[in-house]
Amino acid sequence: MITPDSFEHVLSNSEKQVSEKIKSYLQKPNEDNVHDLRTSIRRALATTSVLPKKIRKDKESRKYLDELKKLLKLNASVRDTDIVLSKLPNHGDSPEFSKLSKKLNAEREASLKKARRVASSLKVEKGPTLDVRDISSSTLQKRFLKTTNELTKKLREGLRLVKNEPKDIDQLHKLREDSRRLRYTLEIDDHAKSSKLLPVVEMWQDILGKIRDADIFITSVSREKTSPTLKEVLDREQASRKENYAKFLEIAKESPGLKYSLSKSDFGPD
């Protein structure tokens, strides 16, 4: 059950994590720190989405959250480049790969310049604050229920769409984003139903992440001049993507947790 005290702890911790990850990122913006920063931002955004509208729309809160979203977006291309670079060594040592790596690293540095400026400004920004005396458990639960139920609905609809069109990269990516948002939102609560659904969306996020990484790699490498070596690389990645997509359909088929949603009665009286 979510209470003002428990939620305040989660909110404070999520903002602390963002602050720590920003420091690590600014000191050394390597692949791990970029990934960890993006994860911490997503958790913070998922947590703040449960806050009452009055707090979320507060001028200072809105400014902080907008900057987080901006930093997340600016680092998206950095993360995509990291994914491609991490996969290239798996395909052997070749002058073609070295040339591509050099090009990608140059693009990464250019993207990092803008992102690091935003990250630096966020070091002095403060996130939303919650006074536990000004909010009730029922208010938090109502917002939590609305958020989780909307997301489970999106997942069911998204699943229906990708079953019909496995090559719809954008829809698969959206499905992954929604599953990730639902996961981070469910982590706020310790209710039995939330705990039951959490492993399901974690599995979805994991396999959809592998598909997304493959799509990023395939799209990036496909832009290069075709050669027998690159074609072989793409063929292997496409085969892996197809295999992971089949796995996802099996996992989704065995996910009964998405057939129900939480309701106010699940939490009992305030």
Protein backbone atom coordinates (compact mmCIF):
# COMPACT_ATOMS: atom_id res chain seq x y z
CA MET A 1 0.00 0.00 0.00
CA ILE A 2 1.26 3.46 -0.90
CA THR A 3 1.36 5.95 1.96
CA PRO A 4 2.60 9.57 1.99
CA ASP A 5 5.66 8.48 3.99
CA SER A 6 6.54 5.56 1.74
CA PHE A 7 6.04 7.62 -1.40
CA GLU A 8 8.06 10.55 -0.07
CA HIS A 9 10.93 8.10 0.53
CA VAL A 10 10.71 6.74 -3.03
CA LEU A 11 10.51 10.26 -4.50
CA SER A 12 13.47 11.52 -2.51
CA ASN A 13 15.53 8.46 -3.37
CA SER A 14 14.77 8.71 -7.09
CA GLU A 15 15.89 12.35 -7.19
CA LYS A 16 19.02 11.47 -5.23
CA GLN A 17 19.83 8.76 -7.76
CA VAL A 18 19.46 11.22 -10.64
CA SER A 19 21.82 13.65 -8.92
CA GLU A 20 24.43 10.95 -8.32
CA LYS A 21 24.19 9.62 -11.87
CA ILE A 22 24.55 13.13 -13.32
CA LYS A 23 27.80 13.57 -11.39
CA SER A 24 29.17 10.24 -12.67
CA TYR A 25 28.03 11.08 -16.20
CA LEU A 26 29.72 14.48 -16.19
CA GLN A 27 32.95 13.00 -14.85
CA LYS A 28 33.00 10.13 -17.34
CA PRO A 29 30.24 9.89 -19.99
CA ASN A 30 31.01 6.29 -20.93
CA GLU A 31 28.45 3.70 -22.05
CA ASP A 32 27.59 2.52 -18.53
CA ASN A 33 27.16 6.00 -17.10
CA VAL A 34 24.99 7.13 -20.02
CA HIS A 35 22.79 4.05 -19.55
CA ASP A 36 22.59 4.47 -15.76
CA LEU A 37 21.71 8.15 -16.04
CA ARG A 38 18.91 7.43 -18.50
CA THR A 39 17.54 4.69 -16.23
CA SER A 40 17.58 6.96 -13.18
CA ILE A 41 15.77 9.71 -15.12
CA ARG A 42 13.09 7.29 -16.28
CA ARG A 43 12.53 6.05 -12.73
CA ALA A 44 12.26 9.63 -11.48
CA LEU A 45 9.77 10.56 -14.20
CA ALA A 46 7.68 7.46 -13.48
CA THR A 47 7.67 8.29 -9.77
CA THR A 48 6.69 11.93 -10.27
CA SER A 49 3.86 10.88 -12.61
CA VAL A 50 2.06 9.58 -9.51
CA LEU A 51 2.21 12.98 -7.81
CA PRO A 52 -1.00 15.04 -7.69
CA LYS A 53 -1.40 17.44 -10.61
CA LYS A 54 -0.95 20.47 -8.36
CA ILE A 55 2.58 19.39 -7.44
CA ARG A 56 3.50 18.16 -10.92
CA LYS A 57 2.41 21.46 -12.48
CA ASP A 58 4.19 23.64 -9.94
CA LYS A 59 6.51 26.06 -11.75
CA GLU A 60 9.74 24.77 -10.20
CA SER A 61 8.70 21.13 -10.49
CA ARG A 62 7.71 21.54 -14.13
CA LYS A 63 11.04 23.22 -14.94
CA TYR A 64 12.99 20.38 -13.33
CA LEU A 65 10.96 17.66 -15.05
CA ASP A 66 11.19 19.39 -18.43
CA GLU A 67 14.98 19.54 -18.08
CA LEU A 68 15.09 15.83 -17.21
CA LYS A 69 13.07 15.01 -20.32
CA LYS A 70 15.35 17.21 -22.41
CA LEU A 71 18.46 15.48 -21.08
CA LEU A 72 16.89 12.09 -21.71
CA LYS A 73 16.14 13.04 -25.31
CA LEU A 74 19.59 14.52 -25.97
CA ASN A 75 21.27 11.39 -24.69
CA ALA A 76 19.10 9.12 -26.85
CA SER A 77 21.42 9.43 -29.85
CA VAL A 78 24.43 8.87 -27.59
CA ARG A 79 22.87 5.69 -26.27
CA ASP A 80 21.99 4.52 -29.78
CA THR A 81 25.59 5.02 -30.86
CA ASP A 82 26.81 3.07 -27.84
CA ILE A 83 24.55 0.17 -28.79
CA VAL A 84 25.96 0.02 -32.32
CA LEU A 85 29.55 0.34 -31.11
CA SER A 86 29.06 -2.40 -28.51
CA LYS A 87 27.86 -4.80 -31.19
CA LEU A 88 30.58 -4.14 -33.79
CA PRO A 89 33.38 -6.05 -32.01
CA ASN A 90 31.14 -9.13 -31.99
CA HIS A 91 31.41 -9.24 -35.77
CA GLY A 92 35.17 -9.51 -36.02
CA ASP A 93 38.10 -7.19 -36.69
CA SER A 94 37.74 -5.45 -40.05
CA PRO A 95 38.84 -2.11 -41.56
CA GLU A 96 35.19 -1.47 -42.37
CA PHE A 97 34.25 -1.75 -38.71
CA SER A 98 37.13 0.50 -37.67
CA LYS A 99 36.03 3.15 -40.15
CA LEU A 100 32.44 2.94 -38.97
CA SER A 101 33.50 3.06 -35.32
CA LYS A 102 35.52 6.23 -35.95
CA LYS A 103 32.53 7.88 -37.62
CA LEU A 104 30.15 6.86 -34.83
CA ASN A 105 32.49 8.08 -32.10
CA ALA A 106 32.67 11.49 -33.79
CA GLU A 107 28.86 11.66 -33.88
CA ARG A 108 28.73 10.59 -30.23
CA GLU A 109 31.04 13.41 -29.15
CA ALA A 110 28.94 15.97 -31.00
CA SER A 111 25.75 14.75 -29.29
CA LEU A 112 27.44 14.70 -25.89
CA LYS A 113 28.32 18.41 -26.00
CA LYS A 114 24.67 19.49 -25.93
CA ALA A 115 23.65 16.85 -23.40
CA ARG A 116 26.43 17.70 -20.98
CA ARG A 117 25.41 21.37 -20.92
CA VAL A 118 21.91 20.41 -19.80
CA ALA A 119 23.28 17.91 -17.27
CA SER A 120 25.52 20.62 -15.78
CA SER A 121 22.56 22.96 -15.31
CA LEU A 122 20.59 20.20 -13.58
CA LYS A 123 23.23 19.90 -10.85
CA VAL A 124 21.76 22.98 -9.18
CA GLU A 125 18.08 22.26 -9.87
CA LYS A 126 15.77 20.76 -7.24
CA GLY A 127 13.03 18.27 -8.01
CA PRO A 128 9.43 18.16 -6.75
CA THR A 129 9.02 18.03 -2.98
CA LEU A 130 6.25 16.36 -1.05
CA ASP A 131 4.97 17.42 2.35
CA VAL A 132 3.38 14.28 3.78
CA ARG A 133 0.98 16.44 5.80
CA ASP A 134 -0.61 17.84 2.65
CA ILE A 135 -1.52 14.58 0.94
CA SER A 136 -3.48 11.45 1.82
CA SER A 137 -2.93 7.80 0.97
CA SER A 138 -6.19 7.73 -0.98
CA THR A 139 -5.03 10.62 -3.19
CA LEU A 140 -1.78 8.84 -4.01
CA GLN A 141 -3.56 5.53 -4.57
CA LYS A 142 -6.07 7.13 -6.92
CA ARG A 143 -3.32 8.59 -9.07
CA PHE A 144 -1.31 5.36 -8.94
CA LEU A 145 -4.32 3.31 -10.03
CA LYS A 146 -5.11 5.66 -12.87
CA THR A 147 -1.53 5.54 -14.13
CA THR A 148 -1.07 1.76 -13.91
CA ASN A 149 -4.46 0.97 -15.42
CA GLU A 150 -3.83 3.32 -18.35
CA LEU A 151 -0.46 1.71 -18.98
CA THR A 152 -1.75 -1.87 -18.84
CA LYS A 153 -4.42 -0.85 -21.33
CA LYS A 154 -1.75 0.58 -23.62
CA LEU A 155 0.25 -2.63 -23.37
CA ARG A 156 -2.71 -4.76 -24.36
CA GLU A 157 -3.47 -2.52 -27.34
CA GLY A 158 0.20 -2.27 -28.31
CA LEU A 159 0.57 -6.04 -28.19
CA ARG A 160 -2.38 -6.43 -30.53
CA LEU A 161 -0.75 -4.06 -33.03
CA VAL A 162 2.74 -5.61 -33.04
CA LYS A 163 1.32 -9.10 -33.43
CA ASN A 164 -0.07 -7.97 -36.77
CA GLU A 165 3.05 -6.07 -37.84
CA PRO A 166 6.34 -7.41 -36.39
CA LYS A 167 8.41 -4.97 -38.47
CA ASP A 168 6.71 -1.88 -37.06
CA ILE A 169 9.80 -0.53 -35.28
CA ASP A 170 8.07 2.52 -33.86
CA GLN A 171 5.20 0.55 -32.34
CA LEU A 172 7.56 -2.01 -30.81
CA HIS A 173 9.60 0.81 -29.33
CA LYS A 174 6.47 2.40 -27.90
CA LEU A 175 5.45 -0.94 -26.42
CA ARG A 176 8.84 -1.19 -24.77
CA GLU A 177 8.57 2.34 -23.39
CA ASP A 178 5.12 1.64 -21.93
CA SER A 179 6.27 -1.63 -20.35
CA ARG A 180 9.24 0.18 -18.83
CA ARG A 181 7.04 2.98 -17.47
CA LEU A 182 4.67 0.43 -15.98
CA ARG A 183 7.54 -1.46 -14.37
CA TYR A 184 8.97 1.65 -12.70
CA THR A 185 5.51 2.72 -11.57
CA LEU A 186 4.71 -0.69 -10.08
CA GLU A 187 7.96 -0.61 -8.12
CA ILE A 188 6.50 2.23 -6.05
CA ASP A 189 3.89 -0.12 -4.57
CA ASP A 190 4.26 -3.36 -2.61
CA HIS A 191 0.71 -4.67 -3.14
CA ALA A 192 0.43 -8.36 -4.06
CA LYS A 193 -1.08 -7.60 -7.46
CA SER A 194 1.69 -5.15 -8.27
CA SER A 195 4.27 -7.72 -7.21
CA LYS A 196 2.63 -10.32 -9.45
CA LEU A 197 2.57 -8.06 -12.50
CA LEU A 198 6.09 -6.70 -12.03
CA PRO A 199 8.01 -9.80 -13.26
CA VAL A 200 5.78 -9.90 -16.33
CA VAL A 201 6.63 -6.39 -17.47
CA GLU A 202 10.29 -6.96 -16.58
CA MET A 203 10.37 -9.88 -19.02
CA TRP A 204 8.62 -7.78 -21.65
CA GLN A 205 11.08 -4.95 -21.17
CA ASP A 206 14.09 -7.27 -21.40
CA ILE A 207 13.15 -9.01 -24.64
CA LEU A 208 11.78 -5.84 -26.25
CA GLY A 209 15.06 -4.17 -25.33
CA LYS A 210 16.99 -6.79 -27.29
CA ILE A 211 14.71 -6.26 -30.28
CA ARG A 212 15.13 -2.49 -30.00
CA ASP A 213 18.94 -2.78 -29.86
CA ALA A 214 18.86 -4.96 -32.98
CA ASP A 215 16.65 -2.44 -34.79
CA ILE A 216 19.02 0.40 -33.88
CA PHE A 217 22.03 -1.58 -35.12
CA ILE A 218 20.33 -2.70 -38.34
CA THR A 219 19.09 0.82 -39.14
CA SER A 220 22.49 2.40 -38.48
CA VAL A 221 24.60 -0.13 -40.38
CA SER A 222 22.13 -0.23 -43.28
CA ARG A 223 22.92 3.42 -43.98
CA GLU A 224 26.50 2.51 -44.82
CA LYS A 225 27.73 1.48 -48.25
CA THR A 226 26.76 -2.15 -48.79
CA SER A 227 29.57 -4.67 -48.82
CA PRO A 228 29.72 -8.46 -48.39
CA THR A 229 31.10 -8.01 -44.87
CA LEU A 230 28.42 -5.59 -43.74
CA LYS A 231 25.72 -7.66 -45.42
CA GLU A 232 26.83 -10.70 -43.44
CA VAL A 233 26.69 -8.66 -40.24
CA LEU A 234 23.20 -7.43 -41.02
CA ASP A 235 21.97 -10.91 -41.91
CA ARG A 236 23.11 -12.24 -38.53
CA GLU A 237 21.56 -9.35 -36.65
CA GLN A 238 18.28 -9.70 -38.52
CA ALA A 239 18.20 -13.43 -37.75
CA SER A 240 18.78 -12.68 -34.06
CA ARG A 241 16.05 -10.06 -34.13
CA LYS A 242 13.60 -12.50 -35.68
CA GLU A 243 14.41 -15.08 -33.01
CA ASN A 244 13.90 -12.58 -30.18
CA TYR A 245 10.61 -11.42 -31.67
CA ALA A 246 9.35 -15.02 -31.67
CA LYS A 247 10.43 -15.32 -28.02
CA PHE A 248 8.55 -12.14 -27.18
CA LEU A 249 5.32 -13.49 -28.67
CA GLU A 250 5.68 -16.63 -26.55
CA ILE A 251 6.33 -14.58 -23.41
CA ALA A 252 3.39 -12.28 -24.16
CA LYS A 253 1.09 -15.25 -24.73
CA GLU A 254 1.98 -16.55 -21.28
CA SER A 255 1.41 -13.20 -19.51
CA PRO A 256 -1.95 -13.56 -17.75
CA GLY A 257 -1.13 -10.63 -15.48
CA LEU A 258 -2.11 -8.16 -18.20
CA LYS A 259 -5.67 -9.50 -18.19
CA TYR A 260 -6.50 -7.73 -14.95
CA SER A 261 -6.01 -4.25 -13.57
CA LEU A 262 -5.81 -2.82 -10.09
CA SER A 263 -8.84 -1.22 -8.48
CA LYS A 264 -9.47 0.93 -5.41
CA SER A 265 -10.89 -2.05 -3.52
CA ASP A 266 -7.49 -3.77 -3.78
CA PHE A 267 -6.06 -1.26 -1.33
CA GLY A 268 -8.79 -1.23 1.25
CA PRO A 269 -9.66 1.86 3.35
CA ASP A 270 -7.36 4.88 3.51
